[in-house]
Amino acid sequence: MIDTLDVCGVRSVKLPPRSPNINAYAERFVRSIKYECLDRIIPIGERHLTQAIDAYLRHYNYDRPHQGLNNDLLMPGPSLATTGGKIVCDEQVGGLIRSYRRAA
């Protein structure tokens, strides 16, 4: 049997068994999306699942503070008032994820 990867010139690397930290960033993301999103919904179809994952990805990449950036946002929005003003709740993934901010 001819291995497709060998034909294309790709060399496969055998990983040691039970090695969770080989790709810690991917493992952390998979754990986050499962715990915060996928474990809490019952997808009705592929479109529903895709919409939930897209909404979670927007939150994960843009709306949450990143520890590697001193808890700053990757793409901060316009500067908002820090004192006074009404507090507004932004819901994502059908209300599973909520973020709060002061209205301008």
C-alpha atoms as a PDB file:
ATOM      1  CA  MET A   1       0.000   0.000   0.000  1.00  0.00           C
ATOM      2  CA  ILE A   2       1.433   3.389  -1.020  1.00  0.00           C
ATOM      3  CA  ASP A   3       1.245   6.096   1.630  1.00  0.00           C
ATOM      4  CA  THR A   4      -0.066   9.377   0.201  1.00  0.00           C
ATOM      5  CA  LEU A   5       2.173  11.464   2.456  1.00  0.00           C
ATOM      6  CA  ASP A   6       5.299   9.614   1.294  1.00  0.00           C
ATOM      7  CA  VAL A   7       4.361  10.183  -2.349  1.00  0.00           C
ATOM      8  CA  CYS A   8       4.009  13.936  -1.689  1.00  0.00           C
ATOM      9  CA  GLY A   9       7.361  14.076   0.101  1.00  0.00           C
ATOM     10  CA  VAL A  10       5.943  14.678   3.579  1.00  0.00           C
ATOM     11  CA  ARG A  11       7.773  12.909   6.395  1.00  0.00           C
ATOM     12  CA  SER A  12       5.543  11.863   9.289  1.00  0.00           C
ATOM     13  CA  VAL A  13       6.811  12.077  12.856  1.00  0.00           C
ATOM     14  CA  LYS A  14       5.700   9.561  15.467  1.00  0.00           C
ATOM     15  CA  LEU A  15       4.554  11.240  18.673  1.00  0.00           C
ATOM     16  CA  PRO A  16       5.115   9.670  22.063  1.00  0.00           C
ATOM     17  CA  PRO A  17       1.983   8.264  23.690  1.00  0.00           C
ATOM     18  CA  ARG A  18       0.159  10.490  26.183  1.00  0.00           C
ATOM     19  CA  SER A  19       2.060  13.645  25.269  1.00  0.00           C
ATOM     20  CA  PRO A  20      -0.468  16.465  25.850  1.00  0.00           C
ATOM     21  CA  ASN A  21       2.004  19.344  25.713  1.00  0.00           C
ATOM     22  CA  ILE A  22       3.263  18.707  22.196  1.00  0.00           C
ATOM     23  CA  ASN A  23       1.029  21.544  20.956  1.00  0.00           C
ATOM     24  CA  ALA A  24      -0.094  23.306  24.122  1.00  0.00           C
ATOM     25  CA  TYR A  25      -1.715  26.256  22.286  1.00  0.00           C
ATOM     26  CA  ALA A  26      -3.983  24.031  20.207  1.00  0.00           C
ATOM     27  CA  GLU A  27      -4.796  21.870  23.228  1.00  0.00           C
ATOM     28  CA  ARG A  28      -5.764  24.973  25.237  1.00  0.00           C
ATOM     29  CA  PHE A  29      -8.011  26.284  22.458  1.00  0.00           C
ATOM     30  CA  VAL A  30      -9.769  22.928  22.051  1.00  0.00           C
ATOM     31  CA  ARG A  31     -10.329  22.761  25.811  1.00  0.00           C
ATOM     32  CA  SER A  32     -11.679  26.329  25.871  1.00  0.00           C
ATOM     33  CA  ILE A  33     -14.119  25.930  22.976  1.00  0.00           C
ATOM     34  CA  LYS A  34     -15.388  22.614  24.333  1.00  0.00           C
ATOM     35  CA  TYR A  35     -15.933  23.909  27.868  1.00  0.00           C
ATOM     36  CA  GLU A  36     -17.229  27.408  27.074  1.00  0.00           C
ATOM     37  CA  CYS A  37     -19.288  26.651  23.961  1.00  0.00           C
ATOM     38  CA  LEU A  38     -19.766  23.136  22.637  1.00  0.00           C
ATOM     39  CA  ASP A  39     -20.557  21.421  25.954  1.00  0.00           C
ATOM     40  CA  ARG A  40     -23.394  23.894  26.549  1.00  0.00           C
ATOM     41  CA  ILE A  41     -25.320  23.671  23.280  1.00  0.00           C
ATOM     42  CA  ILE A  42     -27.021  20.934  21.327  1.00  0.00           C
ATOM     43  CA  PRO A  43     -26.428  21.755  17.661  1.00  0.00           C
ATOM     44  CA  ILE A  44     -29.520  21.198  15.556  1.00  0.00           C
ATOM     45  CA  GLY A  45     -27.546  20.926  12.335  1.00  0.00           C
ATOM     46  CA  GLU A  46     -24.257  21.728  10.636  1.00  0.00           C
ATOM     47  CA  ARG A  47     -25.268  25.359  10.025  1.00  0.00           C
ATOM     48  CA  HIS A  48     -26.143  25.855  13.691  1.00  0.00           C
ATOM     49  CA  LEU A  49     -22.821  24.338  14.776  1.00  0.00           C
ATOM     50  CA  THR A  50     -20.903  26.519  12.302  1.00  0.00           C
ATOM     51  CA  GLN A  51     -22.639  29.675  13.538  1.00  0.00           C
ATOM     52  CA  ALA A  52     -21.857  28.823  17.171  1.00  0.00           C
ATOM     53  CA  ILE A  53     -18.202  28.150  16.378  1.00  0.00           C
ATOM     54  CA  ASP A  54     -17.908  31.371  14.335  1.00  0.00           C
ATOM     55  CA  ALA A  55     -19.420  33.407  17.176  1.00  0.00           C
ATOM     56  CA  TYR A  56     -17.074  31.785  19.687  1.00  0.00           C
ATOM     57  CA  LEU A  57     -14.052  32.429  17.448  1.00  0.00           C
ATOM     58  CA  ARG A  58     -14.968  36.128  17.223  1.00  0.00           C
ATOM     59  CA  HIS A  59     -15.152  36.253  21.017  1.00  0.00           C
ATOM     60  CA  TYR A  60     -11.956  34.254  21.509  1.00  0.00           C
ATOM     61  CA  ASN A  61      -9.899  36.358  19.098  1.00  0.00           C
ATOM     62  CA  TYR A  62     -11.301  39.858  19.585  1.00  0.00           C
ATOM     63  CA  ASP A  63     -13.485  40.313  22.678  1.00  0.00           C
ATOM     64  CA  ARG A  64     -11.570  38.654  25.486  1.00  0.00           C
ATOM     65  CA  PRO A  65      -8.460  40.037  27.158  1.00  0.00           C
ATOM     66  CA  HIS A  66      -5.226  38.223  26.261  1.00  0.00           C
ATOM     67  CA  GLN A  67      -2.780  37.454  29.080  1.00  0.00           C
ATOM     68  CA  GLY A  68       0.213  37.716  26.745  1.00  0.00           C
ATOM     69  CA  LEU A  69      -0.741  41.330  26.007  1.00  0.00           C
ATOM     70  CA  ASN A  70      -1.095  42.496  29.633  1.00  0.00           C
ATOM     71  CA  ASN A  71      -4.821  41.670  29.489  1.00  0.00           C
ATOM     72  CA  ASP A  72      -5.398  44.024  26.561  1.00  0.00           C
ATOM     73  CA  LEU A  73      -7.647  43.273  23.590  1.00  0.00           C
ATOM     74  CA  LEU A  74      -6.132  42.258  20.261  1.00  0.00           C
ATOM     75  CA  MET A  75      -8.280  44.747  18.376  1.00  0.00           C
ATOM     76  CA  PRO A  76      -9.634  47.305  20.836  1.00  0.00           C
ATOM     77  CA  GLY A  77     -12.717  49.217  19.816  1.00  0.00           C
ATOM     78  CA  PRO A  78     -13.241  52.924  20.310  1.00  0.00           C
ATOM     79  CA  SER A  79     -12.294  54.257  23.700  1.00  0.00           C
ATOM     80  CA  LEU A  80     -15.274  54.014  26.043  1.00  0.00           C
ATOM     81  CA  ALA A  81     -16.115  56.016  29.125  1.00  0.00           C
ATOM     82  CA  THR A  82     -14.565  54.513  32.246  1.00  0.00           C
ATOM     83  CA  THR A  83     -16.765  56.283  34.780  1.00  0.00           C
ATOM     84  CA  GLY A  84     -20.427  57.112  34.663  1.00  0.00           C
ATOM     85  CA  GLY A  85     -22.854  55.966  32.043  1.00  0.00           C
ATOM     86  CA  LYS A  86     -25.077  52.967  31.744  1.00  0.00           C
ATOM     87  CA  ILE A  87     -23.573  49.459  31.770  1.00  0.00           C
ATOM     88  CA  VAL A  88     -24.422  47.464  28.646  1.00  0.00           C
ATOM     89  CA  CYS A  89     -24.311  43.671  28.322  1.00  0.00           C
ATOM     90  CA  ASP A  90     -23.155  42.203  25.001  1.00  0.00           C
ATOM     91  CA  GLU A  91     -24.246  38.580  24.509  1.00  0.00           C
ATOM     92  CA  GLN A  92     -22.594  36.141  22.130  1.00  0.00           C
ATOM     93  CA  VAL A  93     -23.183  32.492  21.247  1.00  0.00           C
ATOM     94  CA  GLY A  94     -26.851  32.786  22.114  1.00  0.00           C
ATOM     95  CA  GLY A  95     -26.179  34.292  25.549  1.00  0.00           C
ATOM     96  CA  LEU A  96     -23.570  31.734  26.654  1.00  0.00           C
ATOM     97  CA  ILE A  97     -20.835  34.360  26.672  1.00  0.00           C
ATOM     98  CA  ARG A  98     -21.510  37.800  28.084  1.00  0.00           C
ATOM     99  CA  SER A  99     -19.276  40.830  28.229  1.00  0.00           C
ATOM    100  CA  TYR A 100     -20.035  44.110  29.936  1.00  0.00           C
ATOM    101  CA  ARG A 101     -19.016  47.648  29.043  1.00  0.00           C
ATOM    102  CA  ARG A 102     -20.065  51.169  29.767  1.00  0.00           C
ATOM    103  CA  ALA A 103     -22.103  52.893  27.111  1.00  0.00           C
ATOM    104  CA  ALA A 104     -20.460  55.956  25.578  1.00  0.00           C
END
